[in-house]
Amino acid sequence: MKVNTNFTKIFKEIHQEKWVALSENQAKVIDFDANLLRLRKRLGERRNNYVYTKVLRFDTEYCFSLAWQND
């Protein structure tokens, strides 16, 4: 199965700052909600068949880093 790695075509403005459930190949948005638990409950018994992610704002740049603190 080919997995989608480019989400620019499937995430719309309405998905910003919300949790989305993606199909297994991550090519299609199944459903979305501001609350992850409510989204999973709404998807019912098939809820474990989806990939979940939170969509970040489109107008913000993000830089992820890892910091270690030694005591």
N, C-alpha and C. Protein backbone atom coordinates (compact mmCIF):
# COMPACT_ATOMS: atom_id res chain seq x y z
N MET A 1 0.85 -1.17 0.00
CA MET A 1 0.00 0.00 0.00
C MET A 1 0.89 1.24 0.00
N LYS A 2 0.63 2.15 -0.91
CA LYS A 2 1.37 3.41 -0.97
C LYS A 2 0.75 4.40 0.01
N VAL A 3 1.61 5.00 0.85
CA VAL A 3 1.14 5.94 1.86
C VAL A 3 1.38 7.36 1.39
N ASN A 4 0.36 8.19 1.51
CA ASN A 4 0.46 9.60 1.14
C ASN A 4 1.35 10.35 2.12
N THR A 5 2.27 11.15 1.62
CA THR A 5 3.11 11.96 2.49
C THR A 5 2.95 13.46 2.23
N ASN A 6 2.09 13.83 1.29
CA ASN A 6 1.84 15.22 0.97
C ASN A 6 0.39 15.55 1.34
N PHE A 7 0.23 16.26 2.44
CA PHE A 7 -1.12 16.54 2.95
C PHE A 7 -1.68 17.88 2.45
N THR A 8 -0.94 18.60 1.64
CA THR A 8 -1.39 19.93 1.20
C THR A 8 -2.67 19.87 0.37
N LYS A 9 -2.93 18.76 -0.28
CA LYS A 9 -4.13 18.65 -1.11
C LYS A 9 -5.34 18.13 -0.35
N ILE A 10 -5.13 17.50 0.80
CA ILE A 10 -6.28 16.94 1.51
C ILE A 10 -6.69 17.75 2.74
N PHE A 11 -5.77 18.54 3.31
CA PHE A 11 -6.14 19.39 4.45
C PHE A 11 -6.63 20.73 3.94
N LYS A 12 -7.82 21.10 4.37
CA LYS A 12 -8.42 22.38 3.99
C LYS A 12 -8.40 23.32 5.20
N GLU A 13 -8.78 24.58 4.97
CA GLU A 13 -8.79 25.56 6.06
C GLU A 13 -9.65 25.11 7.23
N ILE A 14 -10.73 24.45 6.96
CA ILE A 14 -11.64 24.00 8.02
C ILE A 14 -10.99 22.98 8.96
N HIS A 15 -9.92 22.33 8.52
CA HIS A 15 -9.24 21.32 9.33
C HIS A 15 -8.19 21.92 10.29
N GLN A 16 -7.85 23.19 10.11
CA GLN A 16 -6.82 23.81 10.94
C GLN A 16 -7.14 23.71 12.43
N GLU A 17 -6.13 23.36 13.21
CA GLU A 17 -6.22 23.25 14.67
C GLU A 17 -7.27 22.24 15.12
N LYS A 18 -7.51 21.24 14.29
CA LYS A 18 -8.47 20.19 14.64
C LYS A 18 -7.80 18.82 14.48
N TRP A 19 -8.39 17.83 15.11
CA TRP A 19 -7.96 16.45 14.94
C TRP A 19 -8.63 15.89 13.71
N VAL A 20 -7.88 15.18 12.89
CA VAL A 20 -8.46 14.55 11.71
C VAL A 20 -8.19 13.06 11.75
N ALA A 21 -9.13 12.30 11.22
CA ALA A 21 -8.96 10.86 11.03
C ALA A 21 -8.72 10.65 9.55
N LEU A 22 -7.59 10.05 9.23
CA LEU A 22 -7.22 9.78 7.85
C LEU A 22 -7.43 8.31 7.52
N SER A 23 -7.66 8.04 6.25
CA SER A 23 -7.74 6.64 5.81
C SER A 23 -6.39 5.97 6.07
N GLU A 24 -6.36 4.65 6.01
CA GLU A 24 -5.14 3.91 6.33
C GLU A 24 -3.96 4.31 5.45
N ASN A 25 -4.22 4.64 4.19
CA ASN A 25 -3.12 5.06 3.31
C ASN A 25 -2.89 6.57 3.38
N GLN A 26 -3.61 7.25 4.26
CA GLN A 26 -3.49 8.68 4.53
C GLN A 26 -3.76 9.55 3.31
N ALA A 27 -4.61 9.07 2.42
CA ALA A 27 -4.93 9.81 1.20
C ALA A 27 -6.25 10.58 1.29
N LYS A 28 -7.05 10.33 2.34
CA LYS A 28 -8.37 10.94 2.42
C LYS A 28 -8.72 11.24 3.87
N VAL A 29 -9.31 12.42 4.11
CA VAL A 29 -9.81 12.77 5.43
C VAL A 29 -11.16 12.10 5.62
N ILE A 30 -11.28 11.29 6.64
CA ILE A 30 -12.54 10.59 6.93
C ILE A 30 -13.48 11.48 7.73
N ASP A 31 -12.94 12.12 8.77
CA ASP A 31 -13.74 12.98 9.64
C ASP A 31 -12.79 13.86 10.44
N PHE A 32 -13.32 14.89 11.09
CA PHE A 32 -12.48 15.77 11.92
C PHE A 32 -13.31 16.37 13.04
N ASP A 33 -12.61 16.80 14.10
CA ASP A 33 -13.27 17.40 15.26
C ASP A 33 -12.21 18.12 16.09
N ALA A 34 -12.64 19.07 16.88
CA ALA A 34 -11.71 19.77 17.78
C ALA A 34 -11.29 18.88 18.94
N ASN A 35 -12.09 17.86 19.25
CA ASN A 35 -11.82 16.98 20.37
C ASN A 35 -11.55 15.56 19.86
N LEU A 36 -10.38 15.03 20.20
CA LEU A 36 -9.99 13.70 19.72
C LEU A 36 -10.91 12.60 20.25
N LEU A 37 -11.27 12.65 21.51
CA LEU A 37 -12.13 11.60 22.07
C LEU A 37 -13.51 11.59 21.41
N ARG A 38 -14.05 12.78 21.17
CA ARG A 38 -15.36 12.88 20.51
C ARG A 38 -15.27 12.34 19.08
N LEU A 39 -14.17 12.64 18.39
CA LEU A 39 -13.96 12.14 17.03
C LEU A 39 -13.91 10.62 17.02
N ARG A 40 -13.12 10.03 17.91
CA ARG A 40 -13.00 8.57 17.96
C ARG A 40 -14.33 7.91 18.31
N LYS A 41 -15.08 8.53 19.21
CA LYS A 41 -16.39 7.98 19.59
C LYS A 41 -17.35 8.02 18.40
N ARG A 42 -17.31 9.11 17.64
CA ARG A 42 -18.20 9.26 16.49
C ARG A 42 -17.88 8.24 15.40
N LEU A 43 -16.61 7.84 15.27
CA LEU A 43 -16.22 6.88 14.25
C LEU A 43 -16.60 5.44 14.62
N GLY A 44 -16.95 5.23 15.87
CA GLY A 44 -17.50 3.93 16.28
C GLY A 44 -16.50 2.79 16.26
N GLU A 45 -16.98 1.63 15.89
CA GLU A 45 -16.18 0.40 15.97
C GLU A 45 -14.98 0.40 15.02
N ARG A 46 -15.02 1.16 13.96
CA ARG A 46 -13.90 1.19 13.01
C ARG A 46 -12.83 2.20 13.40
N ARG A 47 -12.95 2.82 14.57
CA ARG A 47 -12.05 3.90 14.96
C ARG A 47 -10.58 3.51 15.00
N ASN A 48 -10.27 2.24 15.17
CA ASN A 48 -8.88 1.79 15.21
C ASN A 48 -8.30 1.57 13.81
N ASN A 49 -9.10 1.74 12.78
CA ASN A 49 -8.64 1.55 11.40
C ASN A 49 -8.13 2.84 10.77
N TYR A 50 -8.08 3.92 11.52
CA TYR A 50 -7.70 5.21 10.97
C TYR A 50 -6.40 5.73 11.57
N VAL A 51 -5.80 6.69 10.88
CA VAL A 51 -4.61 7.38 11.36
C VAL A 51 -5.06 8.75 11.84
N TYR A 52 -4.69 9.12 13.07
CA TYR A 52 -5.11 10.39 13.64
C TYR A 52 -3.93 11.36 13.70
N THR A 53 -4.23 12.62 13.40
CA THR A 53 -3.21 13.67 13.51
C THR A 53 -3.91 15.00 13.77
N LYS A 54 -3.20 15.90 14.40
CA LYS A 54 -3.73 17.24 14.62
C LYS A 54 -3.15 18.14 13.53
N VAL A 55 -4.02 18.87 12.85
CA VAL A 55 -3.59 19.75 11.77
C VAL A 55 -3.18 21.09 12.38
N LEU A 56 -1.97 21.51 12.07
CA LEU A 56 -1.47 22.79 12.57
C LEU A 56 -1.97 23.93 11.70
N ARG A 57 -1.83 25.15 12.21
CA ARG A 57 -2.25 26.33 11.44
C ARG A 57 -1.40 26.47 10.19
N PHE A 58 -2.01 26.90 9.11
CA PHE A 58 -1.31 27.03 7.84
C PHE A 58 -0.42 28.28 7.79
N ASP A 59 -0.77 29.31 8.55
CA ASP A 59 -0.06 30.59 8.47
C ASP A 59 1.09 30.72 9.47
N THR A 60 1.49 29.64 10.07
CA THR A 60 2.55 29.65 11.07
C THR A 60 3.66 28.70 10.65
N GLU A 61 4.88 29.12 10.89
CA GLU A 61 6.02 28.26 10.62
C GLU A 61 6.39 27.53 11.91
N TYR A 62 6.73 26.26 11.77
CA TYR A 62 7.05 25.44 12.92
C TYR A 62 8.47 24.92 12.81
N CYS A 63 9.12 24.86 13.94
CA CYS A 63 10.46 24.29 14.01
C CYS A 63 10.47 23.37 15.23
N PHE A 64 10.63 22.09 14.98
CA PHE A 64 10.63 21.13 16.07
C PHE A 64 12.07 20.84 16.46
N SER A 65 12.30 20.79 17.75
CA SER A 65 13.65 20.48 18.21
C SER A 65 13.57 19.58 19.44
N LEU A 66 14.67 18.96 19.71
CA LEU A 66 14.79 18.08 20.85
C LEU A 66 15.83 18.66 21.78
N ALA A 67 15.50 18.76 23.04
CA ALA A 67 16.45 19.31 24.01
C ALA A 67 16.60 18.32 25.16
N TRP A 68 17.82 18.07 25.52
CA TRP A 68 18.09 17.21 26.66
C TRP A 68 18.60 18.06 27.81
N GLN A 69 18.19 17.67 28.98
CA GLN A 69 18.66 18.37 30.17
C GLN A 69 19.37 17.36 31.05
N ASN A 70 20.64 17.56 31.26
CA ASN A 70 21.41 16.66 32.13
C ASN A 70 21.45 17.22 33.53
N ASP A 71 21.18 16.37 34.47
CA ASP A 71 21.23 16.81 35.87
C ASP A 71 22.57 16.53 36.48
